[in-house]
Amino acid sequence: CLTSLKKPRLFAITSKGHKSVFDCDFKQDDAFLFGSETSGLPANIHAEIAPNHKLRLPMVANNRSLNLANAVSIVIYEAWRQHDFAGS
């Protein structure tokens, strides 16, 4: 059950998110959950994630979405950037 996770904070990356990943201050131990490219996250997972922990990647209207590998890369790189590329 996802709600049993206390640490790290869990963020769902979803087109249903209202806040951009670029408007979030990530902590060192945050975790990210991505759905499949074709169907996204299942409804039961969405039900367990607080609305303020559902984040989206900004996209141009009416364009196709990014593939999963690119979306993961963008989010992880942004979180790492916020921590001054620790460990690089």
N, C-alpha and C. Protein backbone atom coordinates (compact mmCIF):
# COMPACT_ATOMS: atom_id res chain seq x y z
N CYS A 1 0.84 -1.18 0.00
CA CYS A 1 0.00 0.00 0.00
C CYS A 1 0.88 1.25 0.00
N LEU A 2 0.63 2.14 -0.92
CA LEU A 2 1.45 3.34 -1.04
C LEU A 2 1.34 4.25 0.17
N THR A 3 0.21 4.25 0.84
CA THR A 3 0.04 5.16 1.98
C THR A 3 0.91 4.75 3.18
N SER A 4 1.45 3.54 3.16
CA SER A 4 2.31 3.11 4.25
C SER A 4 3.71 3.72 4.13
N LEU A 5 4.01 4.33 2.98
CA LEU A 5 5.31 4.98 2.81
C LEU A 5 5.33 6.31 3.55
N LYS A 6 6.15 6.44 4.54
CA LYS A 6 6.26 7.69 5.28
C LYS A 6 7.44 8.51 4.76
N LYS A 7 8.49 7.84 4.43
CA LYS A 7 9.68 8.49 3.95
C LYS A 7 10.26 7.59 2.89
N PRO A 8 10.52 8.01 1.76
CA PRO A 8 10.54 9.36 1.24
C PRO A 8 9.16 9.87 0.85
N ARG A 9 9.09 11.17 0.53
CA ARG A 9 7.85 11.71 -0.03
C ARG A 9 7.67 11.09 -1.41
N LEU A 10 6.45 10.77 -1.75
CA LEU A 10 6.17 10.14 -3.03
C LEU A 10 5.38 11.09 -3.91
N PHE A 11 5.88 11.34 -5.10
CA PHE A 11 5.21 12.19 -6.08
C PHE A 11 4.82 11.36 -7.29
N ALA A 12 3.59 11.51 -7.73
CA ALA A 12 3.14 10.89 -8.97
C ALA A 12 3.34 11.90 -10.08
N ILE A 13 3.97 11.47 -11.16
CA ILE A 13 4.15 12.33 -12.32
C ILE A 13 3.04 11.94 -13.29
N THR A 14 2.11 12.87 -13.51
CA THR A 14 0.90 12.55 -14.24
C THR A 14 0.36 13.76 -14.99
N SER A 15 -0.29 13.50 -16.10
CA SER A 15 -0.93 14.59 -16.84
C SER A 15 -2.10 15.17 -16.05
N LYS A 16 -2.53 14.48 -14.99
CA LYS A 16 -3.62 14.96 -14.15
C LYS A 16 -3.13 15.87 -13.02
N GLY A 17 -1.82 16.08 -12.95
CA GLY A 17 -1.27 16.97 -11.94
C GLY A 17 -1.58 18.42 -12.25
N HIS A 18 -1.73 19.22 -11.21
CA HIS A 18 -2.02 20.65 -11.39
C HIS A 18 -0.78 21.51 -11.17
N LYS A 19 0.27 20.94 -10.62
CA LYS A 19 1.49 21.69 -10.32
C LYS A 19 2.62 21.13 -11.18
N SER A 20 3.41 22.02 -11.74
CA SER A 20 4.54 21.62 -12.56
C SER A 20 5.68 21.09 -11.69
N VAL A 21 6.44 20.14 -12.23
CA VAL A 21 7.62 19.65 -11.51
C VAL A 21 8.62 20.78 -11.28
N PHE A 22 8.57 21.81 -12.10
CA PHE A 22 9.50 22.93 -11.98
C PHE A 22 9.08 23.94 -10.92
N ASP A 23 7.91 23.74 -10.34
CA ASP A 23 7.42 24.61 -9.26
C ASP A 23 7.45 23.90 -7.92
N CYS A 24 8.15 22.80 -7.83
CA CYS A 24 8.20 22.00 -6.61
C CYS A 24 9.63 22.02 -6.06
N ASP A 25 9.74 22.16 -4.76
CA ASP A 25 11.05 22.08 -4.10
C ASP A 25 11.25 20.65 -3.61
N PHE A 26 12.14 19.94 -4.29
CA PHE A 26 12.37 18.54 -3.96
C PHE A 26 13.37 18.38 -2.83
N LYS A 27 13.13 17.37 -2.01
CA LYS A 27 14.05 17.01 -0.94
C LYS A 27 14.95 15.88 -1.44
N GLN A 28 16.03 15.69 -0.73
CA GLN A 28 17.05 14.70 -1.12
C GLN A 28 16.47 13.29 -1.28
N ASP A 29 15.52 12.92 -0.44
CA ASP A 29 15.03 11.53 -0.45
C ASP A 29 13.66 11.36 -1.11
N ASP A 30 13.22 12.33 -1.91
CA ASP A 30 11.94 12.22 -2.59
C ASP A 30 11.96 11.07 -3.59
N ALA A 31 10.78 10.51 -3.83
CA ALA A 31 10.63 9.42 -4.80
C ALA A 31 9.56 9.80 -5.81
N PHE A 32 9.66 9.25 -7.00
CA PHE A 32 8.77 9.60 -8.10
C PHE A 32 8.15 8.34 -8.68
N LEU A 33 6.86 8.43 -8.96
CA LEU A 33 6.12 7.31 -9.51
C LEU A 33 5.59 7.71 -10.88
N PHE A 34 5.90 6.88 -11.88
CA PHE A 34 5.49 7.12 -13.26
C PHE A 34 4.60 5.97 -13.70
N GLY A 35 3.60 6.26 -14.49
CA GLY A 35 2.74 5.23 -15.05
C GLY A 35 3.27 4.76 -16.39
N SER A 36 2.55 3.87 -17.01
CA SER A 36 2.95 3.37 -18.33
C SER A 36 2.71 4.45 -19.38
N GLU A 37 3.42 4.33 -20.49
CA GLU A 37 3.28 5.32 -21.57
C GLU A 37 1.88 5.32 -22.16
N THR A 38 1.27 4.16 -22.22
CA THR A 38 -0.02 4.07 -22.92
C THR A 38 -1.22 4.40 -22.05
N SER A 39 -1.15 4.07 -20.75
CA SER A 39 -2.34 4.26 -19.93
C SER A 39 -2.11 5.08 -18.66
N GLY A 40 -0.89 5.48 -18.39
CA GLY A 40 -0.63 6.27 -17.19
C GLY A 40 -0.77 5.46 -15.91
N LEU A 41 -1.02 6.14 -14.82
CA LEU A 41 -1.18 5.48 -13.53
C LEU A 41 -2.61 4.96 -13.37
N PRO A 42 -2.78 3.79 -12.78
CA PRO A 42 -4.13 3.26 -12.55
C PRO A 42 -4.91 4.12 -11.55
N ALA A 43 -6.22 4.06 -11.64
CA ALA A 43 -7.11 4.86 -10.78
C ALA A 43 -6.87 4.58 -9.31
N ASN A 44 -6.61 3.33 -8.94
CA ASN A 44 -6.39 3.02 -7.52
C ASN A 44 -5.12 3.67 -6.97
N ILE A 45 -4.13 3.87 -7.82
CA ILE A 45 -2.91 4.57 -7.40
C ILE A 45 -3.20 6.07 -7.26
N HIS A 46 -3.91 6.63 -8.23
CA HIS A 46 -4.30 8.04 -8.14
C HIS A 46 -5.05 8.31 -6.83
N ALA A 47 -5.89 7.39 -6.43
CA ALA A 47 -6.69 7.57 -5.22
C ALA A 47 -5.82 7.64 -3.96
N GLU A 48 -4.64 7.07 -4.00
CA GLU A 48 -3.77 7.04 -2.82
C GLU A 48 -2.79 8.21 -2.76
N ILE A 49 -2.70 8.98 -3.81
CA ILE A 49 -1.74 10.09 -3.87
C ILE A 49 -2.49 11.41 -3.64
N ALA A 50 -1.99 12.20 -2.70
CA ALA A 50 -2.60 13.50 -2.42
C ALA A 50 -2.49 14.40 -3.65
N PRO A 51 -3.50 15.22 -3.90
CA PRO A 51 -3.46 16.11 -5.08
C PRO A 51 -2.20 16.97 -5.17
N ASN A 52 -1.68 17.44 -4.04
CA ASN A 52 -0.48 18.27 -4.06
C ASN A 52 0.79 17.47 -4.32
N HIS A 53 0.67 16.15 -4.42
CA HIS A 53 1.80 15.29 -4.76
C HIS A 53 1.66 14.69 -6.15
N LYS A 54 0.73 15.24 -6.93
CA LYS A 54 0.58 14.86 -8.34
C LYS A 54 1.16 16.00 -9.16
N LEU A 55 2.25 15.72 -9.83
CA LEU A 55 2.96 16.74 -10.59
C LEU A 55 2.88 16.44 -12.09
N ARG A 56 3.01 17.48 -12.89
CA ARG A 56 2.96 17.31 -14.33
C ARG A 56 4.18 17.95 -14.97
N LEU A 57 4.48 17.51 -16.17
CA LEU A 57 5.48 18.17 -17.00
C LEU A 57 4.74 19.10 -17.95
N PRO A 58 5.16 20.36 -18.04
CA PRO A 58 4.48 21.28 -18.96
C PRO A 58 4.61 20.78 -20.40
N MET A 59 3.53 20.89 -21.14
CA MET A 59 3.52 20.44 -22.54
C MET A 59 2.79 21.49 -23.37
N VAL A 60 3.13 21.57 -24.63
CA VAL A 60 2.41 22.43 -25.57
C VAL A 60 1.06 21.78 -25.83
N ALA A 61 -0.01 22.57 -25.79
CA ALA A 61 -1.36 22.04 -25.99
C ALA A 61 -1.47 21.30 -27.32
N ASN A 62 -2.22 20.21 -27.29
CA ASN A 62 -2.52 19.40 -28.47
C ASN A 62 -1.31 18.69 -29.07
N ASN A 63 -0.22 18.57 -28.33
CA ASN A 63 0.94 17.80 -28.78
C ASN A 63 0.94 16.45 -28.10
N ARG A 64 1.63 15.52 -28.70
CA ARG A 64 1.78 14.21 -28.08
C ARG A 64 2.62 14.34 -26.82
N SER A 65 2.46 13.42 -25.91
CA SER A 65 3.22 13.46 -24.67
C SER A 65 4.63 12.91 -24.89
N LEU A 66 5.50 13.19 -23.94
CA LEU A 66 6.86 12.65 -23.97
C LEU A 66 6.83 11.15 -23.71
N ASN A 67 7.82 10.44 -24.21
CA ASN A 67 7.86 9.02 -23.85
C ASN A 67 8.36 8.89 -22.41
N LEU A 68 8.18 7.73 -21.85
CA LEU A 68 8.47 7.51 -20.43
C LEU A 68 9.93 7.79 -20.08
N ALA A 69 10.85 7.32 -20.89
CA ALA A 69 12.27 7.52 -20.60
C ALA A 69 12.62 9.00 -20.56
N ASN A 70 12.09 9.78 -21.48
CA ASN A 70 12.36 11.22 -21.48
C ASN A 70 11.73 11.90 -20.28
N ALA A 71 10.51 11.53 -19.93
CA ALA A 71 9.84 12.13 -18.77
C ALA A 71 10.62 11.84 -17.49
N VAL A 72 11.06 10.60 -17.32
CA VAL A 72 11.85 10.24 -16.13
C VAL A 72 13.14 11.05 -16.09
N SER A 73 13.81 11.14 -17.22
CA SER A 73 15.07 11.88 -17.28
C SER A 73 14.89 13.34 -16.87
N ILE A 74 13.85 13.97 -17.37
CA ILE A 74 13.60 15.38 -17.07
C ILE A 74 13.35 15.57 -15.58
N VAL A 75 12.50 14.76 -15.00
CA VAL A 75 12.14 14.91 -13.58
C VAL A 75 13.35 14.64 -12.68
N ILE A 76 14.06 13.57 -12.94
CA ILE A 76 15.22 13.23 -12.10
C ILE A 76 16.30 14.30 -12.23
N TYR A 77 16.52 14.77 -13.42
CA TYR A 77 17.54 15.81 -13.62
C TYR A 77 17.16 17.10 -12.91
N GLU A 78 15.88 17.46 -12.94
CA GLU A 78 15.43 18.66 -12.22
C GLU A 78 15.63 18.51 -10.72
N ALA A 79 15.29 17.37 -10.17
CA ALA A 79 15.49 17.14 -8.73
C ALA A 79 16.98 17.21 -8.38
N TRP A 80 17.81 16.62 -9.22
CA TRP A 80 19.27 16.65 -9.00
C TRP A 80 19.81 18.06 -9.11
N ARG A 81 19.31 18.83 -10.10
CA ARG A 81 19.73 20.22 -10.29
C ARG A 81 19.43 21.06 -9.05
N GLN A 82 18.25 20.81 -8.46
CA GLN A 82 17.87 21.57 -7.26
C GLN A 82 18.82 21.32 -6.09
N HIS A 83 19.55 20.23 -6.16
CA HIS A 83 20.50 19.90 -5.09
C HIS A 83 21.93 20.09 -5.57
N ASP A 84 22.09 21.05 -6.50
CA ASP A 84 23.40 21.45 -7.02
C ASP A 84 24.21 20.27 -7.54
N PHE A 85 23.53 19.32 -8.15
CA PHE A 85 24.15 18.15 -8.76
C PHE A 85 25.06 17.41 -7.77
N ALA A 86 24.53 17.21 -6.57
CA ALA A 86 25.29 16.53 -5.51
C ALA A 86 25.83 15.18 -6.01
N GLY A 87 27.06 14.93 -5.72
CA GLY A 87 27.69 13.68 -6.09
C GLY A 87 28.32 13.67 -7.46
N SER A 88 28.20 14.79 -8.19
CA SER A 88 28.78 14.80 -9.54
C SER A 88 30.25 15.16 -9.50
